[in-house]
Amino acid sequence: MIPVDDPVDIASEDDRRWFEEHPQETWRIREIIAGEFGPCQPKALHVLVMQIEPGIRMRGPIFPWGTN
């Protein structure tokens, strides 16, 4: 059986690479990766990722106007 990558790991690796390629940036907005927030996927289309320092990031979903 081929192991399936964890969406959290995929998102984290994508963010890590992006910040390595853009060292002057401290934040980015990207499309959400299905499953990166667990089984209760928010109704968000994008994620705000902030790099606190290299290797330490926080992220949160961005909800469209008019959604709860």
C-alpha atoms as a PDB file:
ATOM      1  CA  MET A   1       0.000   0.000   0.000  1.00  0.00           C
ATOM      2  CA  ILE A   2       1.315   3.449  -0.953  1.00  0.00           C
ATOM      3  CA  PRO A   3       1.184   5.887   1.991  1.00  0.00           C
ATOM      4  CA  VAL A   4      -1.087   8.889   1.536  1.00  0.00           C
ATOM      5  CA  ASP A   5       0.418  12.248   2.458  1.00  0.00           C
ATOM      6  CA  ASP A   6      -1.244  14.102   5.296  1.00  0.00           C
ATOM      7  CA  PRO A   7      -2.854  17.374   4.086  1.00  0.00           C
ATOM      8  CA  VAL A   8      -1.337  19.212   7.075  1.00  0.00           C
ATOM      9  CA  ASP A   9       2.135  18.024   6.055  1.00  0.00           C
ATOM     10  CA  ILE A  10       1.502  19.003   2.435  1.00  0.00           C
ATOM     11  CA  ALA A  11       0.359  22.505   3.470  1.00  0.00           C
ATOM     12  CA  SER A  12       3.252  22.953   5.891  1.00  0.00           C
ATOM     13  CA  GLU A  13       5.846  21.879   3.325  1.00  0.00           C
ATOM     14  CA  ASP A  14       4.324  24.138   0.663  1.00  0.00           C
ATOM     15  CA  ASP A  15       4.417  27.102   3.056  1.00  0.00           C
ATOM     16  CA  ARG A  16       7.988  26.309   4.148  1.00  0.00           C
ATOM     17  CA  ARG A  17       9.197  26.227   0.548  1.00  0.00           C
ATOM     18  CA  TRP A  18       7.344  29.421  -0.347  1.00  0.00           C
ATOM     19  CA  PHE A  19       8.876  31.362   2.553  1.00  0.00           C
ATOM     20  CA  GLU A  20      12.345  30.013   1.699  1.00  0.00           C
ATOM     21  CA  GLU A  21      11.877  31.319  -1.844  1.00  0.00           C
ATOM     22  CA  HIS A  22      10.513  34.673  -0.565  1.00  0.00           C
ATOM     23  CA  PRO A  23      12.664  35.446   2.521  1.00  0.00           C
ATOM     24  CA  GLN A  24      11.596  39.098   2.611  1.00  0.00           C
ATOM     25  CA  GLU A  25       7.904  38.186   3.078  1.00  0.00           C
ATOM     26  CA  THR A  26       6.202  37.592   6.419  1.00  0.00           C
ATOM     27  CA  TRP A  27       2.765  36.526   5.173  1.00  0.00           C
ATOM     28  CA  ARG A  28       1.001  34.998   2.202  1.00  0.00           C
ATOM     29  CA  ILE A  29      -2.507  34.114   1.053  1.00  0.00           C
ATOM     30  CA  ARG A  30      -2.960  30.803  -0.738  1.00  0.00           C
ATOM     31  CA  GLU A  31      -5.740  28.443  -1.704  1.00  0.00           C
ATOM     32  CA  ILE A  32      -6.871  26.079   1.032  1.00  0.00           C
ATOM     33  CA  ILE A  33      -5.695  22.474   0.802  1.00  0.00           C
ATOM     34  CA  ALA A  34      -8.551  20.036   1.366  1.00  0.00           C
ATOM     35  CA  GLY A  35      -8.228  18.446   4.795  1.00  0.00           C
ATOM     36  CA  GLU A  36      -5.538  20.740   6.212  1.00  0.00           C
ATOM     37  CA  PHE A  37      -7.856  21.818   9.042  1.00  0.00           C
ATOM     38  CA  GLY A  38      -8.941  18.275   9.844  1.00  0.00           C
ATOM     39  CA  PRO A  39     -12.203  16.490   9.150  1.00  0.00           C
ATOM     40  CA  CYS A  40     -14.300  19.609   9.843  1.00  0.00           C
ATOM     41  CA  GLN A  41     -13.108  21.547   6.797  1.00  0.00           C
ATOM     42  CA  PRO A  42     -14.098  25.236   7.037  1.00  0.00           C
ATOM     43  CA  LYS A  43     -16.083  26.824   4.210  1.00  0.00           C
ATOM     44  CA  ALA A  44     -13.081  28.911   3.298  1.00  0.00           C
ATOM     45  CA  LEU A  45     -11.406  29.172  -0.079  1.00  0.00           C
ATOM     46  CA  HIS A  46      -8.121  30.701   1.067  1.00  0.00           C
ATOM     47  CA  VAL A  47      -5.701  30.599   3.985  1.00  0.00           C
ATOM     48  CA  LEU A  48      -3.656  33.420   5.526  1.00  0.00           C
ATOM     49  CA  VAL A  49      -0.216  32.137   6.510  1.00  0.00           C
ATOM     50  CA  MET A  50       2.006  34.316   8.702  1.00  0.00           C
ATOM     51  CA  GLN A  51       5.640  33.510   9.345  1.00  0.00           C
ATOM     52  CA  ILE A  52       6.564  34.536  12.903  1.00  0.00           C
ATOM     53  CA  GLU A  53      10.190  33.523  12.324  1.00  0.00           C
ATOM     54  CA  PRO A  54      11.765  30.968  10.014  1.00  0.00           C
ATOM     55  CA  GLY A  55      10.205  27.601  10.807  1.00  0.00           C
ATOM     56  CA  ILE A  56       7.404  29.054  12.944  1.00  0.00           C
ATOM     57  CA  ARG A  57       4.199  29.872  11.106  1.00  0.00           C
ATOM     58  CA  MET A  58       0.543  30.252  11.933  1.00  0.00           C
ATOM     59  CA  ARG A  59      -2.330  29.924   9.529  1.00  0.00           C
ATOM     60  CA  GLY A  60      -6.045  30.503   9.496  1.00  0.00           C
ATOM     61  CA  PRO A  61      -8.885  30.216   7.013  1.00  0.00           C
ATOM     62  CA  ILE A  62     -10.214  33.321   5.273  1.00  0.00           C
ATOM     63  CA  PHE A  63     -13.983  33.211   5.012  1.00  0.00           C
ATOM     64  CA  PRO A  64     -15.886  34.905   2.191  1.00  0.00           C
ATOM     65  CA  TRP A  65     -18.198  37.729   3.194  1.00  0.00           C
ATOM     66  CA  GLY A  66     -21.654  36.547   4.181  1.00  0.00           C
ATOM     67  CA  THR A  67     -20.662  33.123   5.480  1.00  0.00           C
ATOM     68  CA  ASN A  68     -20.993  31.953   9.049  1.00  0.00           C
END
